[in-house]
Protein backbone atom coordinates (compact mmCIF):
# COMPACT_ATOMS: atom_id res chain seq x y z
CA MET A 1 -36.15 0.40 35.21
CA THR A 2 -35.01 0.71 31.62
CA ALA A 3 -32.44 -1.79 30.40
CA THR A 4 -29.26 -0.36 28.94
CA LEU A 5 -28.63 -1.39 25.39
CA HIS A 6 -25.12 -2.38 24.41
CA PRO A 7 -23.81 -2.74 20.88
CA ARG A 8 -23.85 -6.32 19.73
CA PRO A 9 -21.10 -7.30 17.25
CA PRO A 10 -22.51 -8.40 13.88
CA LEU A 11 -23.25 -12.13 13.58
CA GLY A 12 -22.49 -12.54 17.30
CA LEU A 13 -18.74 -12.77 16.66
CA PRO A 14 -16.10 -11.00 18.78
CA ALA A 15 -15.44 -7.42 17.75
CA GLY A 16 -13.08 -7.25 14.78
CA SER A 17 -13.82 -10.74 13.45
CA ILE A 18 -15.51 -9.62 10.23
CA ARG A 19 -12.97 -6.84 9.69
CA GLY A 20 -10.16 -9.34 10.17
CA LEU A 21 -11.66 -11.73 7.63
CA LEU A 22 -12.23 -8.90 5.14
CA ALA A 23 -8.66 -7.64 5.60
CA LEU A 24 -7.39 -11.17 5.03
CA GLN A 25 -9.48 -11.52 1.87
CA ILE A 26 -8.05 -8.26 0.52
CA ALA A 27 -4.50 -9.38 1.28
CA ILE A 28 -5.01 -12.83 -0.25
CA ILE A 29 -6.16 -11.29 -3.55
CA PHE A 30 -3.00 -9.16 -3.56
CA TRP A 31 -0.76 -12.12 -2.74
CA VAL A 32 -2.23 -14.45 -5.34
CA LEU A 33 -2.14 -11.86 -8.13
CA LEU A 34 1.55 -11.27 -7.38
CA ILE A 35 2.64 -14.92 -7.26
CA VAL A 36 0.40 -16.55 -9.87
CA PRO A 37 2.50 -17.70 -12.85
CA SER A 38 1.77 -16.33 -16.30
CA ASP A 39 3.11 -16.30 -19.83
CA PRO A 40 6.04 -13.90 -20.33
CA GLU A 41 3.94 -11.75 -22.67
CA GLN A 42 0.92 -11.66 -20.38
CA LYS A 43 0.78 -8.88 -17.82
CA ILE A 44 -1.39 -9.38 -14.76
CA PRO A 45 -2.02 -5.88 -13.36
CA ILE A 46 -3.31 -5.39 -9.85
CA PRO A 47 -6.91 -4.05 -9.93
CA LEU A 48 -6.85 -0.38 -9.04
CA ASN A 49 -9.63 -0.65 -6.47
CA LEU A 50 -7.49 -3.16 -4.58
CA TYR A 51 -5.02 -0.40 -3.72
CA PHE A 52 -7.85 1.60 -2.17
CA LEU A 53 -9.19 -1.47 -0.35
CA SER A 54 -5.72 -2.11 1.09
CA THR A 55 -6.05 1.09 3.13
CA LEU A 56 -8.79 -0.69 5.08
CA VAL A 57 -6.23 -3.29 6.12
CA MET A 58 -4.37 -0.45 7.82
CA VAL A 59 -7.63 0.62 9.47
CA PHE A 60 -7.95 -2.90 10.88
CA PHE A 61 -4.47 -2.64 12.38
CA VAL A 62 -5.11 0.68 14.14
CA SER A 63 -8.53 -0.42 15.45
CA HIS A 64 -6.92 -2.63 18.10
CA GLY A 65 -7.27 -1.02 21.49
CA LYS A 66 -10.23 1.05 20.24
CA SER A 67 -13.06 -0.90 18.65
CA ILE A 68 -11.10 -4.20 18.82
CA ALA A 69 -9.72 -5.66 22.04
CA LYS A 70 -5.97 -5.46 22.55
CA LYS A 71 -3.91 -8.55 23.26
CA GLY A 72 -4.35 -9.37 26.94
CA ASP A 73 -7.77 -7.70 27.32
CA LEU A 74 -10.61 -9.66 28.91
CA ALA A 75 -12.76 -9.23 25.79
CA PRO A 76 -12.24 -12.03 23.23
CA SER A 77 -9.99 -11.36 20.23
CA PRO A 78 -11.35 -11.64 16.66
CA MET A 79 -12.70 -15.12 15.91
CA TRP A 80 -11.73 -16.14 19.46
CA LEU A 81 -8.15 -16.62 18.23
CA PRO A 82 -5.10 -15.63 20.30
CA GLY A 83 -4.56 -11.87 20.32
CA GLY A 84 -2.68 -10.61 17.28
CA THR A 85 -3.37 -13.69 15.11
CA PHE A 86 -4.85 -11.80 12.15
CA ARG A 87 -2.12 -9.16 12.25
CA PHE A 88 0.55 -11.86 12.36
CA ILE A 89 -0.96 -13.68 9.36
CA LEU A 90 -1.20 -10.44 7.37
CA LEU A 91 2.38 -9.40 8.13
CA ALA A 92 3.87 -12.89 7.71
CA GLY A 93 2.00 -13.50 4.45
CA THR A 94 3.06 -10.16 2.98
CA LEU A 95 6.71 -10.69 3.95
CA ALA A 96 6.65 -14.24 2.55
CA VAL A 97 5.26 -13.06 -0.80
CA ALA A 98 7.77 -10.19 -0.95
CA ALA A 99 10.65 -12.58 -0.22
CA LEU A 100 9.46 -14.98 -2.92
CA LEU A 101 9.37 -12.21 -5.50
CA VAL A 102 12.74 -10.76 -4.48
CA PHE A 103 14.61 -14.07 -4.70
CA ARG A 104 12.67 -15.97 -7.37
CA HIS A 105 10.51 -13.68 -9.52
CA PRO A 106 11.59 -10.03 -9.23
CA GLU A 107 10.03 -9.27 -12.63
CA ARG A 108 6.58 -9.73 -11.10
CA PHE A 109 6.96 -6.53 -9.13
CA SER A 110 6.04 -4.78 -12.39
CA ARG A 111 2.49 -5.97 -11.79
CA LEU A 112 2.24 -3.37 -9.04
CA THR A 113 2.46 -0.55 -11.60
CA PRO A 114 -1.06 0.37 -12.75
CA ASP A 115 -1.72 0.77 -16.45
CA PRO A 116 -2.51 4.31 -17.66
CA GLU A 117 -6.00 3.08 -18.61
CA GLN A 118 -6.59 1.99 -15.01
CA MET A 119 -5.56 5.38 -13.63
CA GLN A 120 -8.38 7.06 -15.54
CA HIS A 121 -10.84 5.55 -13.05
CA TRP A 122 -9.12 6.37 -9.76
CA ILE A 123 -11.65 9.05 -8.82
CA TYR A 124 -14.49 6.48 -8.75
CA TYR A 125 -12.62 4.23 -6.34
CA PHE A 126 -11.54 7.19 -4.21
CA LEU A 127 -15.11 8.42 -3.89
CA GLY A 128 -16.34 4.88 -3.22
CA LEU A 129 -13.78 4.41 -0.45
CA GLY A 130 -14.19 7.83 1.15
CA GLY A 131 -17.95 8.04 0.71
CA GLY A 132 -18.57 4.51 1.97
CA PHE A 133 -16.33 4.92 5.01
CA ILE A 134 -17.74 8.34 5.99
CA LEU A 135 -21.32 7.13 5.57
CA GLY A 136 -20.59 4.06 7.67
CA TYR A 137 -18.86 6.12 10.36
CA ALA A 138 -21.80 8.53 10.41
CA THR A 139 -24.12 5.68 11.48
CA ARG A 140 -22.33 5.65 14.85
CA ILE A 141 -24.14 8.83 15.88
CA LEU A 142 -27.61 7.54 15.02
CA PRO A 143 -29.93 7.40 18.06
CA PHE A 144 -31.13 3.91 17.11
CA ARG A 145 -27.67 2.41 16.52
CA HIS A 146 -28.18 -0.03 19.41
CA SER A 147 -31.58 -1.26 18.22
CA TRP A 148 -31.92 -4.84 17.02
CA ILE A 149 -33.06 -3.61 13.61
CA PHE A 150 -29.91 -1.58 13.02
CA GLN A 151 -27.69 -4.32 14.47
CA SER A 152 -29.34 -6.80 12.09
CA PHE A 153 -28.65 -4.36 9.24
CA GLN A 154 -24.98 -4.29 10.29
CA ALA A 155 -24.93 -8.08 10.32
CA TRP A 156 -26.35 -8.22 6.81
CA SER A 157 -23.92 -5.59 5.58
CA ALA A 158 -21.13 -7.77 6.97
CA ILE A 159 -22.42 -10.81 5.07
CA ILE A 160 -22.79 -8.78 1.86
CA ALA A 161 -19.30 -7.30 2.23
CA MET A 162 -17.75 -10.74 2.69
CA ALA A 163 -19.76 -12.23 -0.19
CA ILE A 164 -18.91 -9.56 -2.75
CA LEU A 165 -15.25 -9.61 -1.77
CA LEU A 166 -15.29 -13.39 -2.24
CA ILE A 167 -16.80 -12.89 -5.70
CA GLU A 168 -14.11 -10.28 -6.40
CA MET A 169 -11.45 -12.79 -5.34
CA ILE A 170 -12.83 -15.54 -7.56
CA PHE A 171 -13.08 -13.23 -10.58
CA ARG A 172 -9.63 -11.67 -10.16
CA VAL A 173 -7.78 -14.89 -9.38
CA PHE A 174 -9.52 -17.51 -11.49
CA VAL A 175 -11.00 -15.49 -14.35
CA GLY A 176 -9.01 -12.27 -14.64
CA THR A 177 -5.62 -14.00 -14.75
CA SER A 178 -6.69 -16.14 -17.71
CA LEU A 179 -7.83 -13.25 -19.89
CA THR A 180 -5.61 -11.99 -22.69
CA LYS A 181 -6.88 -8.42 -22.20
CA ASN A 182 -7.25 -6.73 -18.86
CA ILE A 183 -10.83 -5.91 -17.88
CA GLU A 184 -11.48 -3.12 -15.39
CA PRO A 185 -15.13 -3.38 -14.24
CA VAL A 186 -15.26 0.15 -12.84
CA TYR A 187 -18.79 0.19 -11.46
CA TRP A 188 -18.43 -3.22 -9.87
CA GLY A 189 -15.07 -2.29 -8.35
CA THR A 190 -16.52 0.97 -7.04
CA ALA A 191 -19.48 -0.85 -5.47
CA VAL A 192 -17.18 -3.43 -3.85
CA THR A 193 -14.95 -0.68 -2.46
CA ALA A 194 -17.88 1.39 -1.14
CA ILE A 195 -19.67 -1.51 0.59
CA VAL A 196 -16.55 -2.86 2.28
CA ALA A 197 -15.54 0.68 3.31
CA PHE A 198 -19.05 1.30 4.69
CA TYR A 199 -18.75 -1.72 6.95
CA PHE A 200 -15.31 -0.71 8.20
CA GLY A 201 -16.59 2.80 8.87
CA SER A 202 -19.62 1.59 10.79
CA ARG A 203 -17.44 -0.57 13.05
CA SER A 204 -14.36 1.67 13.49
């Protein structure tokens, strides 16, 4: 009798755990870049690829009830936390940052407006996001998607996605905000966007 193979979540965590952590990393970069203080003459623009990555946060929200257990299901919620924890943190954090800017630092909303120089590179990030997500989603139809080799590959792609997004966070928050001239590492940003999108696509 042949044993039925079932998909094993990457790293042995409940479904949605890695996506929840990645969504939180994306949101934290956004929050910090909006609230970090700066000199009046220094503009801290939001990296353009971050806008494209933020669409994956929406993907995380709509995955509940599909590839992620809904609140009240028998399957464990992401990171074994109470159902809806990640979504609550994302919503509460965003509302808290928005309230801080509205009442204390409304001028910082200007950081959300991309520079014309940044907009020249939007096609790279768009292709990275779309191409990565579609390629990841396409892996769901592979005949060997339940094999331990492919599941190990998914686990490693999860680790890589988290690592590069952590590097992105460190650079944007601790290095980028101290520079007098904005640096837009296009190829790096495209690679970050594509790899994170690939993981979301493979798990959606």
